[in-house]
Amino acid sequence: MIDRQPTPEFSRLRSLLEIAAAELHYLKRCDARLFSVPLIDERIRQLPADDELAERVDAFVARFGRLQDTLGDKLLPTFLRAMAETPGTMLENLDRAEKLGLIQSADAWLALRKLRNRMIHEYVADPDELLDALIAAHQHIDMLAEALMKIRARVAGRIPDESD
């Protein structure tokens, strides 16, 4: 008989899947509000005087970074441990995720990480760079969502129900 009791690793995995799903939900809502009107150079240049836009940009940048951190820094290593693999460095974990078909490309994932850093650092310094980074992040939300969906699908049925 198979022991169906949830291990601490599976409990953590379940929790992280729920957290990532909530973070994705809020990121998508924020994204819809920020990009409801085309984000153009003129709008970004108004950022210092437009508190509502500044708050939307802040929220978008924070939520994008938070989801990426949850997926790459927390969920992926926990997933690997739960699947009886040994997590390594972030790059090793991303390479393994690519081989498992959980992400399309480790290089693309690392580029998103740099993009997040650009959004944070260019926020005040260069409006054109910020605009480019925001638009690129907007266009790559589906990449984060797809990674979450694939991890979820991979663990479906493998995580014992805590009520069992």
N, C-alpha and C. Protein backbone atom coordinates (compact mmCIF):
# COMPACT_ATOMS: atom_id res chain seq x y z
N MET A 1 0.84 -1.19 0.00
CA MET A 1 0.00 0.00 0.00
C MET A 1 0.88 1.25 0.00
N ILE A 2 0.53 2.22 -0.81
CA ILE A 2 1.30 3.46 -0.93
C ILE A 2 0.89 4.41 0.19
N ASP A 3 1.89 4.97 0.86
CA ASP A 3 1.63 5.96 1.89
C ASP A 3 1.24 7.27 1.21
N ARG A 4 0.01 7.72 1.44
CA ARG A 4 -0.51 8.92 0.78
C ARG A 4 -0.50 10.13 1.71
N GLN A 5 0.22 10.03 2.81
CA GLN A 5 0.32 11.18 3.71
C GLN A 5 1.18 12.25 3.07
N PRO A 6 0.74 13.48 3.14
CA PRO A 6 1.55 14.55 2.55
C PRO A 6 2.83 14.77 3.35
N THR A 7 3.93 14.85 2.63
CA THR A 7 5.21 15.15 3.26
C THR A 7 5.30 16.67 3.44
N PRO A 8 6.21 17.12 4.28
CA PRO A 8 6.39 18.58 4.39
C PRO A 8 6.71 19.23 3.04
N GLU A 9 7.47 18.51 2.20
CA GLU A 9 7.83 19.06 0.88
C GLU A 9 6.58 19.22 0.00
N PHE A 10 5.69 18.23 0.02
CA PHE A 10 4.45 18.34 -0.76
C PHE A 10 3.53 19.42 -0.19
N SER A 11 3.50 19.57 1.12
CA SER A 11 2.70 20.63 1.72
C SER A 11 3.24 21.99 1.31
N ARG A 12 4.55 22.15 1.32
CA ARG A 12 5.17 23.40 0.88
C ARG A 12 4.89 23.64 -0.60
N LEU A 13 4.98 22.60 -1.40
CA LEU A 13 4.71 22.71 -2.83
C LEU A 13 3.28 23.17 -3.08
N ARG A 14 2.34 22.56 -2.37
CA ARG A 14 0.93 22.96 -2.51
C ARG A 14 0.75 24.43 -2.13
N SER A 15 1.36 24.83 -1.05
CA SER A 15 1.27 26.22 -0.60
C SER A 15 1.86 27.18 -1.63
N LEU A 16 3.02 26.84 -2.16
CA LEU A 16 3.66 27.70 -3.15
C LEU A 16 2.86 27.78 -4.45
N LEU A 17 2.23 26.68 -4.84
CA LEU A 17 1.37 26.70 -6.02
C LEU A 17 0.20 27.66 -5.82
N GLU A 18 -0.38 27.64 -4.62
CA GLU A 18 -1.49 28.56 -4.32
C GLU A 18 -1.01 30.01 -4.29
N ILE A 19 0.14 30.24 -3.70
CA ILE A 19 0.69 31.60 -3.64
C ILE A 19 0.98 32.12 -5.05
N ALA A 20 1.63 31.29 -5.87
CA ALA A 20 1.96 31.71 -7.23
C ALA A 20 0.69 31.98 -8.05
N ALA A 21 -0.33 31.16 -7.86
CA ALA A 21 -1.59 31.39 -8.59
C ALA A 21 -2.22 32.72 -8.19
N ALA A 22 -2.18 33.03 -6.89
CA ALA A 22 -2.72 34.31 -6.43
C ALA A 22 -1.88 35.47 -6.97
N GLU A 23 -0.56 35.32 -6.94
CA GLU A 23 0.30 36.38 -7.46
C GLU A 23 0.06 36.61 -8.95
N LEU A 24 -0.13 35.53 -9.69
CA LEU A 24 -0.42 35.66 -11.12
C LEU A 24 -1.75 36.38 -11.33
N HIS A 25 -2.74 36.02 -10.55
CA HIS A 25 -4.06 36.67 -10.64
C HIS A 25 -3.93 38.18 -10.45
N TYR A 26 -3.24 38.59 -9.41
CA TYR A 26 -3.09 40.02 -9.12
C TYR A 26 -2.21 40.71 -10.16
N LEU A 27 -1.19 40.03 -10.65
CA LEU A 27 -0.36 40.62 -11.70
C LEU A 27 -1.19 40.86 -12.96
N LYS A 28 -2.00 39.89 -13.33
CA LYS A 28 -2.83 40.05 -14.54
C LYS A 28 -3.83 41.19 -14.38
N ARG A 29 -4.41 41.32 -13.20
CA ARG A 29 -5.34 42.43 -12.96
C ARG A 29 -4.62 43.77 -13.05
N CYS A 30 -3.45 43.85 -12.45
CA CYS A 30 -2.65 45.08 -12.49
C CYS A 30 -2.23 45.38 -13.93
N ASP A 31 -1.81 44.36 -14.64
CA ASP A 31 -1.41 44.51 -16.04
C ASP A 31 -2.57 45.06 -16.87
N ALA A 32 -3.75 44.53 -16.66
CA ALA A 32 -4.93 45.00 -17.41
C ALA A 32 -5.20 46.47 -17.15
N ARG A 33 -5.04 46.90 -15.90
CA ARG A 33 -5.26 48.32 -15.58
C ARG A 33 -4.16 49.20 -16.14
N LEU A 34 -2.92 48.77 -16.01
CA LEU A 34 -1.80 49.58 -16.49
C LEU A 34 -1.84 49.74 -18.01
N PHE A 35 -2.19 48.68 -18.71
CA PHE A 35 -2.17 48.70 -20.17
C PHE A 35 -3.57 48.88 -20.79
N SER A 36 -4.54 49.32 -20.00
CA SER A 36 -5.88 49.56 -20.54
C SER A 36 -5.85 50.68 -21.57
N VAL A 37 -4.94 51.60 -21.39
CA VAL A 37 -4.66 52.66 -22.37
C VAL A 37 -3.22 52.42 -22.80
N PRO A 38 -2.93 52.51 -24.09
CA PRO A 38 -1.56 52.22 -24.52
C PRO A 38 -0.53 52.99 -23.70
N LEU A 39 0.45 52.25 -23.25
CA LEU A 39 1.53 52.85 -22.47
C LEU A 39 2.54 53.40 -23.47
N ILE A 40 2.57 54.70 -23.58
CA ILE A 40 3.43 55.35 -24.57
C ILE A 40 4.38 56.31 -23.86
N ASP A 41 5.35 56.77 -24.62
CA ASP A 41 6.38 57.66 -24.10
C ASP A 41 5.77 58.86 -23.36
N GLU A 42 4.76 59.45 -23.93
CA GLU A 42 4.14 60.63 -23.32
C GLU A 42 3.59 60.32 -21.93
N ARG A 43 2.95 59.17 -21.77
CA ARG A 43 2.41 58.79 -20.46
C ARG A 43 3.53 58.57 -19.45
N ILE A 44 4.60 57.88 -19.87
CA ILE A 44 5.70 57.59 -18.95
C ILE A 44 6.38 58.88 -18.51
N ARG A 45 6.49 59.83 -19.40
CA ARG A 45 7.11 61.12 -19.03
C ARG A 45 6.25 61.88 -18.03
N GLN A 46 4.97 61.55 -17.92
CA GLN A 46 4.08 62.17 -16.94
C GLN A 46 4.15 61.49 -15.57
N LEU A 47 4.90 60.43 -15.49
CA LEU A 47 4.98 59.62 -14.26
C LEU A 47 5.26 60.45 -13.00
N PRO A 48 6.20 61.38 -13.01
CA PRO A 48 6.46 62.14 -11.77
C PRO A 48 5.26 62.94 -11.29
N ALA A 49 4.36 63.32 -12.19
CA ALA A 49 3.21 64.14 -11.80
C ALA A 49 1.91 63.35 -11.71
N ASP A 50 1.93 62.08 -12.13
CA ASP A 50 0.71 61.28 -12.18
C ASP A 50 0.79 60.17 -11.12
N ASP A 51 0.24 60.47 -9.94
CA ASP A 51 0.32 59.51 -8.83
C ASP A 51 -0.37 58.20 -9.15
N GLU A 52 -1.50 58.25 -9.82
CA GLU A 52 -2.22 57.01 -10.14
C GLU A 52 -1.38 56.12 -11.06
N LEU A 53 -0.80 56.71 -12.09
CA LEU A 53 0.05 55.94 -13.00
C LEU A 53 1.28 55.42 -12.26
N ALA A 54 1.89 56.25 -11.43
CA ALA A 54 3.06 55.83 -10.67
C ALA A 54 2.73 54.63 -9.78
N GLU A 55 1.57 54.65 -9.15
CA GLU A 55 1.17 53.54 -8.29
C GLU A 55 0.92 52.28 -9.12
N ARG A 56 0.35 52.43 -10.29
CA ARG A 56 0.13 51.26 -11.16
C ARG A 56 1.45 50.67 -11.62
N VAL A 57 2.39 51.54 -12.00
CA VAL A 57 3.70 51.06 -12.43
C VAL A 57 4.41 50.37 -11.26
N ASP A 58 4.38 50.98 -10.09
CA ASP A 58 4.98 50.37 -8.90
C ASP A 58 4.39 48.98 -8.64
N ALA A 59 3.08 48.90 -8.68
CA ALA A 59 2.41 47.63 -8.42
C ALA A 59 2.78 46.60 -9.47
N PHE A 60 2.80 47.01 -10.72
CA PHE A 60 3.14 46.08 -11.80
C PHE A 60 4.56 45.54 -11.63
N VAL A 61 5.51 46.43 -11.41
CA VAL A 61 6.91 46.03 -11.24
C VAL A 61 7.05 45.09 -10.04
N ALA A 62 6.43 45.45 -8.93
CA ALA A 62 6.52 44.62 -7.73
C ALA A 62 5.88 43.25 -7.94
N ARG A 63 4.72 43.22 -8.56
CA ARG A 63 4.02 41.94 -8.76
C ARG A 63 4.72 41.06 -9.78
N PHE A 64 5.26 41.67 -10.81
CA PHE A 64 6.02 40.91 -11.80
C PHE A 64 7.23 40.27 -11.13
N GLY A 65 7.98 41.06 -10.38
CA GLY A 65 9.16 40.55 -9.69
C GLY A 65 8.82 39.50 -8.65
N ARG A 66 7.75 39.73 -7.91
CA ARG A 66 7.34 38.79 -6.87
C ARG A 66 6.98 37.44 -7.47
N LEU A 67 6.20 37.45 -8.56
CA LEU A 67 5.81 36.18 -9.19
C LEU A 67 7.04 35.46 -9.73
N GLN A 68 7.91 36.21 -10.38
CA GLN A 68 9.11 35.57 -10.92
C GLN A 68 9.97 34.98 -9.80
N ASP A 69 10.10 35.68 -8.70
CA ASP A 69 10.86 35.16 -7.56
C ASP A 69 10.19 33.92 -6.97
N THR A 70 8.89 33.97 -6.83
CA THR A 70 8.18 32.81 -6.27
C THR A 70 8.38 31.59 -7.16
N LEU A 71 8.24 31.78 -8.46
CA LEU A 71 8.38 30.64 -9.38
C LEU A 71 9.81 30.12 -9.43
N GLY A 72 10.76 31.03 -9.64
CA GLY A 72 12.14 30.59 -9.85
C GLY A 72 12.93 30.29 -8.60
N ASP A 73 12.72 31.09 -7.56
CA ASP A 73 13.53 30.94 -6.35
C ASP A 73 12.90 30.00 -5.32
N LYS A 74 11.60 29.84 -5.36
CA LYS A 74 10.93 29.03 -4.33
C LYS A 74 10.24 27.79 -4.91
N LEU A 75 9.33 28.02 -5.87
CA LEU A 75 8.53 26.91 -6.38
C LEU A 75 9.37 25.87 -7.11
N LEU A 76 10.24 26.31 -8.01
CA LEU A 76 11.02 25.36 -8.79
C LEU A 76 11.92 24.47 -7.91
N PRO A 77 12.71 25.03 -6.98
CA PRO A 77 13.51 24.13 -6.13
C PRO A 77 12.63 23.20 -5.28
N THR A 78 11.50 23.69 -4.80
CA THR A 78 10.61 22.85 -4.00
C THR A 78 10.03 21.73 -4.86
N PHE A 79 9.65 22.07 -6.09
CA PHE A 79 9.15 21.07 -7.03
C PHE A 79 10.21 19.99 -7.27
N LEU A 80 11.44 20.41 -7.51
CA LEU A 80 12.50 19.44 -7.77
C LEU A 80 12.71 18.52 -6.57
N ARG A 81 12.73 19.09 -5.37
CA ARG A 81 12.88 18.25 -4.17
C ARG A 81 11.70 17.28 -4.03
N ALA A 82 10.49 17.76 -4.27
CA ALA A 82 9.31 16.90 -4.15
C ALA A 82 9.33 15.77 -5.17
N MET A 83 10.00 16.00 -6.29
CA MET A 83 10.11 14.96 -7.32
C MET A 83 11.38 14.13 -7.14
N ALA A 84 11.98 14.22 -5.95
CA ALA A 84 13.16 13.44 -5.57
C ALA A 84 14.39 13.81 -6.38
N GLU A 85 14.46 15.07 -6.77
CA GLU A 85 15.65 15.60 -7.43
C GLU A 85 16.34 16.55 -6.47
N THR A 86 17.61 16.78 -6.73
CA THR A 86 18.38 17.69 -5.89
C THR A 86 18.50 19.04 -6.60
N PRO A 87 17.90 20.08 -6.02
CA PRO A 87 18.05 21.40 -6.65
C PRO A 87 19.49 21.87 -6.58
N GLY A 88 19.84 22.70 -7.54
CA GLY A 88 21.19 23.26 -7.57
C GLY A 88 21.12 24.77 -7.58
N THR A 89 22.03 25.36 -8.32
CA THR A 89 22.01 26.81 -8.48
C THR A 89 20.78 27.19 -9.30
N MET A 90 20.47 28.47 -9.32
CA MET A 90 19.32 28.91 -10.10
C MET A 90 19.48 28.48 -11.57
N LEU A 91 20.66 28.67 -12.13
CA LEU A 91 20.87 28.30 -13.53
C LEU A 91 20.69 26.80 -13.74
N GLU A 92 21.21 26.00 -12.83
CA GLU A 92 21.04 24.54 -12.93
C GLU A 92 19.56 24.17 -12.84
N ASN A 93 18.83 24.82 -11.92
CA ASN A 93 17.40 24.54 -11.78
C ASN A 93 16.64 24.95 -13.04
N LEU A 94 17.01 26.09 -13.62
CA LEU A 94 16.34 26.52 -14.85
C LEU A 94 16.66 25.59 -16.01
N ASP A 95 17.90 25.14 -16.09
CA ASP A 95 18.27 24.18 -17.14
C ASP A 95 17.47 22.88 -16.97
N ARG A 96 17.32 22.44 -15.72
CA ARG A 96 16.54 21.22 -15.45
C ARG A 96 15.07 21.45 -15.80
N ALA A 97 14.54 22.61 -15.46
CA ALA A 97 13.15 22.93 -15.79
C ALA A 97 12.94 22.94 -17.30
N GLU A 98 13.92 23.44 -18.02
CA GLU A 98 13.83 23.44 -19.49
C GLU A 98 13.82 22.00 -20.01
N LYS A 99 14.71 21.16 -19.47
CA LYS A 99 14.77 19.76 -19.91
C LYS A 99 13.47 19.02 -19.58
N LEU A 100 12.83 19.39 -18.48
CA LEU A 100 11.57 18.76 -18.09
C LEU A 100 10.38 19.35 -18.85
N GLY A 101 10.62 20.38 -19.64
CA GLY A 101 9.54 21.00 -20.40
C GLY A 101 8.67 21.94 -19.59
N LEU A 102 9.18 22.38 -18.42
CA LEU A 102 8.41 23.28 -17.57
C LEU A 102 8.53 24.73 -18.02
N ILE A 103 9.66 25.07 -18.61
CA ILE A 103 9.86 26.40 -19.19
C ILE A 103 10.41 26.19 -20.60
N GLN A 104 10.20 27.17 -21.44
CA GLN A 104 10.68 27.05 -22.83
C GLN A 104 12.19 27.20 -22.92
N SER A 105 12.75 28.10 -22.10
CA SER A 105 14.17 28.40 -22.22
C SER A 105 14.72 29.00 -20.93
N ALA A 106 15.80 28.41 -20.46
CA ALA A 106 16.47 28.97 -19.28
C ALA A 106 17.01 30.36 -19.60
N ASP A 107 17.51 30.54 -20.80
CA ASP A 107 18.03 31.85 -21.20
C ASP A 107 16.93 32.90 -21.21
N ALA A 108 15.75 32.55 -21.71
CA ALA A 108 14.63 33.50 -21.72
C ALA A 108 14.23 33.85 -20.29
N TRP A 109 14.27 32.87 -19.40
CA TRP A 109 13.92 33.12 -18.00
C TRP A 109 14.93 34.10 -17.37
N LEU A 110 16.20 33.88 -17.65
CA LEU A 110 17.22 34.79 -17.12
C LEU A 110 17.07 36.19 -17.72
N ALA A 111 16.66 36.26 -18.97
CA ALA A 111 16.41 37.57 -19.59
C ALA A 111 15.26 38.28 -18.89
N LEU A 112 14.24 37.53 -18.46
CA LEU A 112 13.13 38.14 -17.71
C LEU A 112 13.62 38.65 -16.36
N ARG A 113 14.54 37.96 -15.77
CA ARG A 113 15.10 38.42 -14.48
C ARG A 113 15.84 39.74 -14.67
N LYS A 114 16.60 39.84 -15.75
CA LYS A 114 17.29 41.09 -16.06
C LYS A 114 16.28 42.19 -16.37
N LEU A 115 15.20 41.82 -17.03
CA LEU A 115 14.15 42.78 -17.35
C LEU A 115 13.54 43.36 -16.07
N ARG A 116 13.30 42.50 -15.11
CA ARG A 116 12.77 42.96 -13.83
C ARG A 116 13.72 43.96 -13.19
N ASN A 117 15.01 43.65 -13.23
CA ASN A 117 16.00 44.55 -12.66
C ASN A 117 16.04 45.88 -13.42
N ARG A 118 15.87 45.81 -14.73
CA ARG A 118 15.82 47.05 -15.53
C ARG A 118 14.64 47.91 -15.12
N MET A 119 13.49 47.29 -14.89
CA MET A 119 12.31 48.07 -14.50
C MET A 119 12.54 48.77 -13.17
N ILE A 120 13.22 48.11 -12.27
CA ILE A 120 13.47 48.70 -10.96
C ILE A 120 14.49 49.83 -11.06
N HIS A 121 15.60 49.57 -11.76
CA HIS A 121 16.69 50.54 -11.79
C HIS A 121 16.46 51.70 -12.74
N GLU A 122 15.69 51.47 -13.79
CA GLU A 122 15.45 52.53 -14.76
C GLU A 122 14.22 53.35 -14.41
N TYR A 123 13.57 52.98 -13.33
CA TYR A 123 12.33 53.64 -12.95
C TYR A 123 12.46 55.15 -12.91
N VAL A 124 13.51 55.63 -12.30
CA VAL A 124 13.71 57.07 -12.17
C VAL A 124 14.68 57.60 -13.23
N ALA A 125 15.66 56.79 -13.60
CA ALA A 125 16.77 57.27 -14.42
C ALA A 125 16.41 57.55 -15.88
N ASP A 126 15.69 56.64 -16.53
CA ASP A 126 15.50 56.76 -17.97
C ASP A 126 14.09 56.31 -18.36
N PRO A 127 13.21 57.26 -18.64
CA PRO A 127 11.82 56.91 -18.99
C PRO A 127 11.71 56.02 -20.22
N ASP A 128 12.58 56.21 -21.21
CA ASP A 128 12.52 55.38 -22.41
C ASP A 128 12.85 53.93 -22.10
N GLU A 129 13.89 53.72 -21.28
CA GLU A 129 14.27 52.36 -20.87
C GLU A 129 13.16 51.73 -20.04
N LEU A 130 12.58 52.52 -19.15
CA LEU A 130 11.49 52.01 -18.32
C LEU A 130 10.32 51.58 -19.20
N LEU A 131 9.95 52.41 -20.16
CA LEU A 131 8.85 52.08 -21.06
C LEU A 131 9.13 50.79 -21.80
N ASP A 132 10.34 50.66 -22.37
CA ASP A 132 10.70 49.42 -23.08
C ASP A 132 10.61 48.21 -22.17
N ALA A 133 11.10 48.35 -20.94
CA ALA A 133 11.08 47.23 -20.00
C ALA A 133 9.66 46.87 -19.59
N LEU A 134 8.82 47.87 -19.35
CA LEU A 134 7.42 47.60 -18.98
C LEU A 134 6.69 46.87 -20.10
N ILE A 135 6.88 47.33 -21.32
CA ILE A 135 6.21 46.69 -22.46
C ILE A 135 6.71 45.26 -22.63
N ALA A 136 8.01 45.04 -22.50
CA ALA A 136 8.55 43.69 -22.61
C ALA A 136 8.00 42.78 -21.51
N ALA A 137 7.93 43.29 -20.30
CA ALA A 137 7.38 42.49 -19.19
C ALA A 137 5.91 42.15 -19.47
N HIS A 138 5.16 43.14 -19.92
CA HIS A 138 3.74 42.94 -20.28
C HIS A 138 3.61 41.80 -21.30
N GLN A 139 4.51 41.77 -22.26
CA GLN A 139 4.45 40.76 -23.32
C GLN A 139 4.89 39.38 -22.87
N HIS A 140 5.51 39.29 -21.69
CA HIS A 140 6.03 38.00 -21.22
C HIS A 140 5.31 37.45 -20.00
N ILE A 141 4.22 38.05 -19.61
CA ILE A 141 3.45 37.51 -18.48
C ILE A 141 2.99 36.09 -18.78
N ASP A 142 2.63 35.83 -20.04
CA ASP A 142 2.18 34.49 -20.41
C ASP A 142 3.27 33.45 -20.19
N MET A 143 4.53 33.84 -20.31
CA MET A 143 5.63 32.91 -20.07
C MET A 143 5.64 32.46 -18.61
N LEU A 144 5.40 33.40 -17.70
CA LEU A 144 5.33 33.05 -16.28
C LEU A 144 4.10 32.18 -16.01
N ALA A 145 2.98 32.56 -16.61
CA ALA A 145 1.74 31.81 -16.41
C ALA A 145 1.88 30.38 -16.95
N GLU A 146 2.54 30.25 -18.08
CA GLU A 146 2.73 28.92 -18.67
C GLU A 146 3.60 28.04 -17.78
N ALA A 147 4.65 28.62 -17.20
CA ALA A 147 5.51 27.84 -16.30
C ALA A 147 4.72 27.34 -15.11
N LEU A 148 3.90 28.21 -14.52
CA LEU A 148 3.07 27.81 -13.39
C LEU A 148 2.11 26.70 -13.80
N MET A 149 1.46 26.86 -14.95
CA MET A 149 0.51 25.85 -15.42
C MET A 149 1.20 24.50 -15.62
N LYS A 150 2.39 24.52 -16.18
CA LYS A 150 3.10 23.26 -16.45
C LYS A 150 3.55 22.58 -15.16
N ILE A 151 4.01 23.36 -14.20
CA ILE A 151 4.39 22.76 -12.91
C ILE A 151 3.16 22.17 -12.24
N ARG A 152 2.08 22.94 -12.26
CA ARG A 152 0.81 22.45 -11.68
C ARG A 152 0.38 21.14 -12.32
N ALA A 153 0.42 21.09 -13.64
CA ALA A 153 0.01 19.88 -14.36
C ALA A 153 0.92 18.71 -14.02
N ARG A 154 2.20 18.97 -13.87
CA ARG A 154 3.16 17.91 -13.59
C ARG A 154 2.91 17.30 -12.21
N VAL A 155 2.48 18.11 -11.26
CA VAL A 155 2.28 17.59 -9.91
C VAL A 155 0.85 17.14 -9.66
N ALA A 156 -0.06 17.42 -10.57
CA ALA A 156 -1.46 17.02 -10.38
C ALA A 156 -1.54 15.51 -10.13
N GLY A 157 -2.23 15.15 -9.08
CA GLY A 157 -2.38 13.75 -8.74
C GLY A 157 -1.21 13.18 -7.95
N ARG A 158 -0.10 13.89 -7.91
CA ARG A 158 1.07 13.41 -7.15
C ARG A 158 1.09 13.95 -5.74
N ILE A 159 0.38 15.03 -5.52
CA ILE A 159 0.35 15.64 -4.18
C ILE A 159 -0.82 15.01 -3.42
N PRO A 160 -0.53 14.30 -2.36
CA PRO A 160 -1.62 13.71 -1.59
C PRO A 160 -2.51 14.80 -1.00
N ASP A 161 -3.79 14.55 -0.97
CA ASP A 161 -4.73 15.48 -0.38
C ASP A 161 -4.53 15.43 1.12
N GLU A 162 -4.45 16.59 1.75
CA GLU A 162 -4.19 16.64 3.19
C GLU A 162 -5.33 16.02 4.00
N SER A 163 -6.49 15.86 3.40
CA SER A 163 -7.62 15.26 4.12
C SER A 163 -7.55 13.73 4.08
N ASP A 164 -6.66 13.18 3.23
CA ASP A 164 -6.52 11.71 3.15
C ASP A 164 -5.92 11.15 4.41
